[in-house]
Amino acid sequence: MVQYDSITDSYKQSRNIYDDVLTQDKWWSKLYIRLFWSGVNDNEIAEKVLSFIPDDFLGVYPKSCVNLQSSV
């Protein structure tokens, strides 16, 4: 239980810092985001991730499986 308590305590201590950075409510969190994340283009990252999805992806089955699924 010592390890569990240690992990729980660490989470409780870091939760507020993490939330502050995400919401950028505090001056230091805005500074952190600008210093370390300025120049990062979220749209480029999203386009790169989405480029891994095949063109024939329909959500669950590739086009080649749609006919098989409808005949079952």
PDB file of N, CA and C in Angstrom:
ATOM      1  N   MET A   1       0.805  -1.205   0.000  1.00  0.00           N
ATOM      2  CA  MET A   1       0.000   0.000   0.000  1.00  0.00           C
ATOM      3  C   MET A   1       0.848   1.271   0.000  1.00  0.00           C
ATOM      4  N   VAL A   2       2.091   1.148   0.390  1.00  0.00           N
ATOM      5  CA  VAL A   2       2.968   2.313   0.435  1.00  0.00           C
ATOM      6  C   VAL A   2       3.143   2.901  -0.961  1.00  0.00           C
ATOM      7  N   GLN A   3       3.335   2.030  -1.957  1.00  0.00           N
ATOM      8  CA  GLN A   3       3.513   2.506  -3.324  1.00  0.00           C
ATOM      9  C   GLN A   3       2.225   3.172  -3.824  1.00  0.00           C
ATOM     10  N   TYR A   4       1.081   2.578  -3.525  1.00  0.00           N
ATOM     11  CA  TYR A   4      -0.208   3.148  -3.932  1.00  0.00           C
ATOM     12  C   TYR A   4      -0.383   4.542  -3.334  1.00  0.00           C
ATOM     13  N   ASP A   5      -0.089   4.669  -2.051  1.00  0.00           N
ATOM     14  CA  ASP A   5      -0.212   5.967  -1.380  1.00  0.00           C
ATOM     15  C   ASP A   5       0.735   6.991  -1.991  1.00  0.00           C
ATOM     16  N   SER A   6       1.926   6.554  -2.325  1.00  0.00           N
ATOM     17  CA  SER A   6       2.914   7.444  -2.931  1.00  0.00           C
ATOM     18  C   SER A   6       2.435   7.941  -4.293  1.00  0.00           C
ATOM     19  N   ILE A   7       1.901   7.031  -5.093  1.00  0.00           N
ATOM     20  CA  ILE A   7       1.391   7.404  -6.417  1.00  0.00           C
ATOM     21  C   ILE A   7       0.199   8.345  -6.281  1.00  0.00           C
ATOM     22  N   THR A   8      -0.704   8.023  -5.357  1.00  0.00           N
ATOM     23  CA  THR A   8      -1.892   8.861  -5.134  1.00  0.00           C
ATOM     24  C   THR A   8      -1.488  10.257  -4.691  1.00  0.00           C
ATOM     25  N   ASP A   9      -0.553  10.344  -3.771  1.00  0.00           N
ATOM     26  CA  ASP A   9      -0.086  11.654  -3.297  1.00  0.00           C
ATOM     27  C   ASP A   9       0.573  12.454  -4.421  1.00  0.00           C
ATOM     28  N   SER A  10       1.378  11.783  -5.228  1.00  0.00           N
ATOM     29  CA  SER A  10       2.042  12.460  -6.348  1.00  0.00           C
ATOM     30  C   SER A  10       1.019  13.004  -7.329  1.00  0.00           C
ATOM     31  N   TYR A  11      -0.007  12.204  -7.602  1.00  0.00           N
ATOM     32  CA  TYR A  11      -1.051  12.657  -8.526  1.00  0.00           C
ATOM     33  C   TYR A  11      -1.764  13.875  -7.969  1.00  0.00           C
ATOM     34  N   LYS A  12      -2.110  13.826  -6.697  1.00  0.00           N
ATOM     35  CA  LYS A  12      -2.824  14.951  -6.084  1.00  0.00           C
ATOM     36  C   LYS A  12      -1.993  16.231  -6.151  1.00  0.00           C
ATOM     37  N   GLN A  13      -0.681  16.111  -5.970  1.00  0.00           N
ATOM     38  CA  GLN A  13       0.191  17.279  -6.014  1.00  0.00           C
ATOM     39  C   GLN A  13       0.348  17.830  -7.421  1.00  0.00           C
ATOM     40  N   SER A  14       0.402  16.942  -8.416  1.00  0.00           N
ATOM     41  CA  SER A  14       0.638  17.400  -9.783  1.00  0.00           C
ATOM     42  C   SER A  14      -0.644  17.756 -10.520  1.00  0.00           C
ATOM     43  N   ARG A  15      -1.781  17.304 -10.035  1.00  0.00           N
ATOM     44  CA  ARG A  15      -3.059  17.534 -10.712  1.00  0.00           C
ATOM     45  C   ARG A  15      -3.326  19.026 -10.915  1.00  0.00           C
ATOM     46  N   ASN A  16      -3.122  19.821  -9.893  1.00  0.00           N
ATOM     47  CA  ASN A  16      -3.392  21.254 -10.001  1.00  0.00           C
ATOM     48  C   ASN A  16      -2.462  21.932 -11.001  1.00  0.00           C
ATOM     49  N   ILE A  17      -1.194  21.533 -11.006  1.00  0.00           N
ATOM     50  CA  ILE A  17      -0.235  22.114 -11.948  1.00  0.00           C
ATOM     51  C   ILE A  17      -0.642  21.748 -13.369  1.00  0.00           C
ATOM     52  N   TYR A  18      -0.991  20.490 -13.577  1.00  0.00           N
ATOM     53  CA  TYR A  18      -1.388  20.018 -14.904  1.00  0.00           C
ATOM     54  C   TYR A  18      -2.642  20.754 -15.381  1.00  0.00           C
ATOM     55  N   ASP A  19      -3.624  20.877 -14.504  1.00  0.00           N
ATOM     56  CA  ASP A  19      -4.855  21.586 -14.866  1.00  0.00           C
ATOM     57  C   ASP A  19      -4.579  23.051 -15.191  1.00  0.00           C
ATOM     58  N   ASP A  20      -3.710  23.683 -14.417  1.00  0.00           N
ATOM     59  CA  ASP A  20      -3.370  25.086 -14.663  1.00  0.00           C
ATOM     60  C   ASP A  20      -2.707  25.269 -16.015  1.00  0.00           C
ATOM     61  N   VAL A  21      -1.849  24.336 -16.387  1.00  0.00           N
ATOM     62  CA  VAL A  21      -1.172  24.445 -17.675  1.00  0.00           C
ATOM     63  C   VAL A  21      -2.176  24.267 -18.814  1.00  0.00           C
ATOM     64  N   LEU A  22      -3.061  23.297 -18.690  1.00  0.00           N
ATOM     65  CA  LEU A  22      -4.038  23.064 -19.749  1.00  0.00           C
ATOM     66  C   LEU A  22      -5.000  24.234 -19.921  1.00  0.00           C
ATOM     67  N   THR A  23      -5.446  24.804 -18.821  1.00  0.00           N
ATOM     68  CA  THR A  23      -6.418  25.899 -18.902  1.00  0.00           C
ATOM     69  C   THR A  23      -5.745  27.255 -19.076  1.00  0.00           C
ATOM     70  N   GLN A  24      -4.452  27.331 -18.782  1.00  0.00           N
ATOM     71  CA  GLN A  24      -3.681  28.574 -18.870  1.00  0.00           C
ATOM     72  C   GLN A  24      -4.333  29.697 -18.066  1.00  0.00           C
ATOM     73  N   ASP A  25      -4.791  29.351 -16.879  1.00  0.00           N
ATOM     74  CA  ASP A  25      -5.416  30.349 -16.004  1.00  0.00           C
ATOM     75  C   ASP A  25      -4.402  31.248 -15.293  1.00  0.00           C
ATOM     76  N   LYS A  26      -3.215  30.745 -15.103  1.00  0.00           N
ATOM     77  CA  LYS A  26      -2.208  31.492 -14.352  1.00  0.00           C
ATOM     78  C   LYS A  26      -1.167  32.082 -15.301  1.00  0.00           C
ATOM     79  N   TRP A  27      -0.520  33.154 -14.860  1.00  0.00           N
ATOM     80  CA  TRP A  27       0.465  33.825 -15.712  1.00  0.00           C
ATOM     81  C   TRP A  27       1.621  32.895 -16.060  1.00  0.00           C
ATOM     82  N   TRP A  28       2.058  32.070 -15.088  1.00  0.00           N
ATOM     83  CA  TRP A  28       3.199  31.196 -15.340  1.00  0.00           C
ATOM     84  C   TRP A  28       2.849  30.085 -16.328  1.00  0.00           C
ATOM     85  N   SER A  29       1.575  29.664 -16.347  1.00  0.00           N
ATOM     86  CA  SER A  29       1.197  28.616 -17.295  1.00  0.00           C
ATOM     87  C   SER A  29       1.160  29.166 -18.724  1.00  0.00           C
ATOM     88  N   LYS A  30       0.749  30.425 -18.865  1.00  0.00           N
ATOM     89  CA  LYS A  30       0.783  31.058 -20.189  1.00  0.00           C
ATOM     90  C   LYS A  30       2.220  31.213 -20.671  1.00  0.00           C
ATOM     91  N   LEU A  31       3.104  31.586 -19.760  1.00  0.00           N
ATOM     92  CA  LEU A  31       4.516  31.718 -20.088  1.00  0.00           C
ATOM     93  C   LEU A  31       5.106  30.373 -20.482  1.00  0.00           C
ATOM     94  N   TYR A  32       4.786  29.329 -19.734  1.00  0.00           N
ATOM     95  CA  TYR A  32       5.269  27.978 -20.031  1.00  0.00           C
ATOM     96  C   TYR A  32       4.835  27.549 -21.427  1.00  0.00           C
ATOM     97  N   ILE A  33       3.561  27.732 -21.747  1.00  0.00           N
ATOM     98  CA  ILE A  33       3.038  27.330 -23.052  1.00  0.00           C
ATOM     99  C   ILE A  33       3.744  28.112 -24.160  1.00  0.00           C
ATOM    100  N   ARG A  34       3.926  29.404 -23.972  1.00  0.00           N
ATOM    101  CA  ARG A  34       4.579  30.226 -25.000  1.00  0.00           C
ATOM    102  C   ARG A  34       6.043  29.844 -25.184  1.00  0.00           C
ATOM    103  N   LEU A  35       6.740  29.577 -24.079  1.00  0.00           N
ATOM    104  CA  LEU A  35       8.165  29.253 -24.170  1.00  0.00           C
ATOM    105  C   LEU A  35       8.407  27.882 -24.789  1.00  0.00           C
ATOM    106  N   PHE A  36       7.638  26.904 -24.375  1.00  0.00           N
ATOM    107  CA  PHE A  36       7.929  25.536 -24.794  1.00  0.00           C
ATOM    108  C   PHE A  36       7.077  25.037 -25.950  1.00  0.00           C
ATOM    109  N   TRP A  37       5.949  25.674 -26.209  1.00  0.00           N
ATOM    110  CA  TRP A  37       5.067  25.174 -27.256  1.00  0.00           C
ATOM    111  C   TRP A  37       4.820  26.172 -28.373  1.00  0.00           C
ATOM    112  N   SER A  38       5.403  27.343 -28.308  1.00  0.00           N
ATOM    113  CA  SER A  38       5.220  28.288 -29.410  1.00  0.00           C
ATOM    114  C   SER A  38       5.914  27.728 -30.638  1.00  0.00           C
ATOM    115  N   GLY A  39       5.318  27.917 -31.765  1.00  0.00           N
ATOM    116  CA  GLY A  39       5.891  27.373 -32.979  1.00  0.00           C
ATOM    117  C   GLY A  39       5.378  25.986 -33.312  1.00  0.00           C
ATOM    118  N   VAL A  40       4.612  25.388 -32.400  1.00  0.00           N
ATOM    119  CA  VAL A  40       4.029  24.076 -32.666  1.00  0.00           C
ATOM    120  C   VAL A  40       2.703  24.309 -33.376  1.00  0.00           C
ATOM    121  N   ASN A  41       2.589  23.736 -34.550  1.00  0.00           N
ATOM    122  CA  ASN A  41       1.367  23.904 -35.334  1.00  0.00           C
ATOM    123  C   ASN A  41       0.466  22.689 -35.107  1.00  0.00           C
ATOM    124  N   ASP A  42      -0.594  22.885 -34.340  1.00  0.00           N
ATOM    125  CA  ASP A  42      -1.506  21.790 -34.025  1.00  0.00           C
ATOM    126  C   ASP A  42      -2.151  21.205 -35.278  1.00  0.00           C
ATOM    127  N   ASN A  43      -2.406  22.038 -36.257  1.00  0.00           N
ATOM    128  CA  ASN A  43      -3.031  21.549 -37.488  1.00  0.00           C
ATOM    129  C   ASN A  43      -2.095  20.612 -38.251  1.00  0.00           C
ATOM    130  N   GLU A  44      -0.806  20.933 -38.276  1.00  0.00           N
ATOM    131  CA  GLU A  44       0.158  20.046 -38.936  1.00  0.00           C
ATOM    132  C   GLU A  44       0.232  18.695 -38.236  1.00  0.00           C
ATOM    133  N   ILE A  45       0.218  18.717 -36.922  1.00  0.00           N
ATOM    134  CA  ILE A  45       0.259  17.470 -36.164  1.00  0.00           C
ATOM    135  C   ILE A  45      -0.995  16.644 -36.452  1.00  0.00           C
ATOM    136  N   ALA A  46      -2.164  17.294 -36.440  1.00  0.00           N
ATOM    137  CA  ALA A  46      -3.418  16.585 -36.708  1.00  0.00           C
ATOM    138  C   ALA A  46      -3.434  16.006 -38.119  1.00  0.00           C
ATOM    139  N   GLU A  47      -2.969  16.771 -39.091  1.00  0.00           N
ATOM    140  CA  GLU A  47      -2.926  16.278 -40.473  1.00  0.00           C
ATOM    141  C   GLU A  47      -2.000  15.066 -40.590  1.00  0.00           C
ATOM    142  N   LYS A  48      -0.885  15.086 -39.895  1.00  0.00           N
ATOM    143  CA  LYS A  48       0.051  13.964 -39.930  1.00  0.00           C
ATOM    144  C   LYS A  48      -0.590  12.711 -39.333  1.00  0.00           C
ATOM    145  N   VAL A  49      -1.247  12.864 -38.209  1.00  0.00           N
ATOM    146  CA  VAL A  49      -1.908  11.722 -37.570  1.00  0.00           C
ATOM    147  C   VAL A  49      -3.024  11.189 -38.462  1.00  0.00           C
ATOM    148  N   LEU A  50      -3.838  12.082 -39.008  1.00  0.00           N
ATOM    149  CA  LEU A  50      -4.946  11.658 -39.863  1.00  0.00           C
ATOM    150  C   LEU A  50      -4.470  11.033 -41.164  1.00  0.00           C
ATOM    151  N   SER A  51      -3.264  11.363 -41.600  1.00  0.00           N
ATOM    152  CA  SER A  51      -2.750  10.793 -42.844  1.00  0.00           C
ATOM    153  C   SER A  51      -2.503   9.288 -42.728  1.00  0.00           C
ATOM    154  N   PHE A  52      -2.429   8.766 -41.526  1.00  0.00           N
ATOM    155  CA  PHE A  52      -2.224   7.336 -41.324  1.00  0.00           C
ATOM    156  C   PHE A  52      -3.513   6.534 -41.512  1.00  0.00           C
ATOM    157  N   ILE A  53      -4.647   7.197 -41.546  1.00  0.00           N
ATOM    158  CA  ILE A  53      -5.922   6.502 -41.744  1.00  0.00           C
ATOM    159  C   ILE A  53      -6.081   6.221 -43.229  1.00  0.00           C
ATOM    160  N   PRO A  54      -6.334   4.964 -43.610  1.00  0.00           N
ATOM    161  CA  PRO A  54      -6.466   4.623 -45.033  1.00  0.00           C
ATOM    162  C   PRO A  54      -7.629   5.371 -45.683  1.00  0.00           C
ATOM    163  N   ASP A  55      -7.489   5.664 -46.974  1.00  0.00           N
ATOM    164  CA  ASP A  55      -8.528   6.400 -47.700  1.00  0.00           C
ATOM    165  C   ASP A  55      -9.852   5.654 -47.735  1.00  0.00           C
ATOM    166  N   ASP A  56      -9.811   4.329 -47.717  1.00  0.00           N
ATOM    167  CA  ASP A  56     -11.060   3.564 -47.802  1.00  0.00           C
ATOM    168  C   ASP A  56     -11.649   3.238 -46.431  1.00  0.00           C
ATOM    169  N   PHE A  57     -11.156   3.859 -45.387  1.00  0.00           N
ATOM    170  CA  PHE A  57     -11.658   3.614 -44.043  1.00  0.00           C
ATOM    171  C   PHE A  57     -13.030   4.250 -43.878  1.00  0.00           C
ATOM    172  N   LEU A  58     -14.016   3.440 -43.475  1.00  0.00           N
ATOM    173  CA  LEU A  58     -15.386   3.932 -43.321  1.00  0.00           C
ATOM    174  C   LEU A  58     -15.812   4.040 -41.864  1.00  0.00           C
ATOM    175  N   GLY A  59     -14.958   3.794 -40.978  1.00  0.00           N
ATOM    176  CA  GLY A  59     -15.292   3.901 -39.570  1.00  0.00           C
ATOM    177  C   GLY A  59     -15.035   2.609 -38.818  1.00  0.00           C
ATOM    178  N   VAL A  60     -15.459   1.489 -39.402  1.00  0.00           N
ATOM    179  CA  VAL A  60     -15.255   0.215 -38.741  1.00  0.00           C
ATOM    180  C   VAL A  60     -14.609  -0.783 -39.691  1.00  0.00           C
ATOM    181  N   TYR A  61     -15.171  -0.898 -40.883  1.00  0.00           N
ATOM    182  CA  TYR A  61     -14.700  -1.878 -41.851  1.00  0.00           C
ATOM    183  C   TYR A  61     -14.149  -1.190 -43.096  1.00  0.00           C
ATOM    184  N   PRO A  62     -13.103  -1.730 -43.711  1.00  0.00           N
ATOM    185  CA  PRO A  62     -12.680  -1.198 -45.010  1.00  0.00           C
ATOM    186  C   PRO A  62     -13.743  -1.516 -46.062  1.00  0.00           C
ATOM    187  N   LYS A  63     -13.739  -0.802 -47.166  1.00  0.00           N
ATOM    188  CA  LYS A  63     -14.739  -0.992 -48.226  1.00  0.00           C
ATOM    189  C   LYS A  63     -14.844  -2.448 -48.654  1.00  0.00           C
ATOM    190  N   SER A  64     -13.731  -3.151 -48.684  1.00  0.00           N
ATOM    191  CA  SER A  64     -13.744  -4.542 -49.136  1.00  0.00           C
ATOM    192  C   SER A  64     -14.572  -5.438 -48.216  1.00  0.00           C
ATOM    193  N   CYS A  65     -14.788  -5.022 -46.977  1.00  0.00           N
ATOM    194  CA  CYS A  65     -15.553  -5.844 -46.042  1.00  0.00           C
ATOM    195  C   CYS A  65     -17.021  -5.429 -45.958  1.00  0.00           C
ATOM    196  N   VAL A  66     -17.366  -4.277 -46.511  1.00  0.00           N
ATOM    197  CA  VAL A  66     -18.747  -3.788 -46.417  1.00  0.00           C
ATOM    198  C   VAL A  66     -19.706  -4.746 -47.068  1.00  0.00           C
ATOM    199  N   ASN A  67     -19.399  -5.250 -48.279  1.00  0.00           N
ATOM    200  CA  ASN A  67     -20.278  -6.184 -48.978  1.00  0.00           C
ATOM    201  C   ASN A  67     -20.413  -7.486 -48.194  1.00  0.00           C
ATOM    202  N   LEU A  68     -19.338  -7.932 -47.585  1.00  0.00           N
ATOM    203  CA  LEU A  68     -19.404  -9.148 -46.796  1.00  0.00           C
ATOM    204  C   LEU A  68     -20.294  -8.951 -45.576  1.00  0.00           C
ATOM    205  N   GLN A  69     -20.204  -7.788 -44.956  1.00  0.00           N
ATOM    206  CA  GLN A  69     -20.984  -7.502 -43.752  1.00  0.00           C
ATOM    207  C   GLN A  69     -22.470  -7.417 -44.066  1.00  0.00           C
ATOM    208  N   SER A  70     -22.835  -6.820 -45.214  1.00  0.00           N
ATOM    209  CA  SER A  70     -24.248  -6.640 -45.547  1.00  0.00           C
ATOM    210  C   SER A  70     -24.911  -7.958 -45.954  1.00  0.00           C
ATOM    211  N   SER A  71     -24.134  -8.948 -46.394  1.00  0.00           N
ATOM    212  CA  SER A  71     -24.713 -10.214 -46.838  1.00  0.00           C
ATOM    213  C   SER A  71     -24.883 -11.199 -45.681  1.00  0.00           C
ATOM    214  N   VAL A  72     -24.363 -10.841 -44.497  1.00  0.00           N
ATOM    215  CA  VAL A  72     -24.446 -11.759 -43.358  1.00  0.00           C
ATOM    216  C   VAL A  72     -25.783 -11.643 -42.666  1.00  0.00           C
TER     217      VAL A  72
END
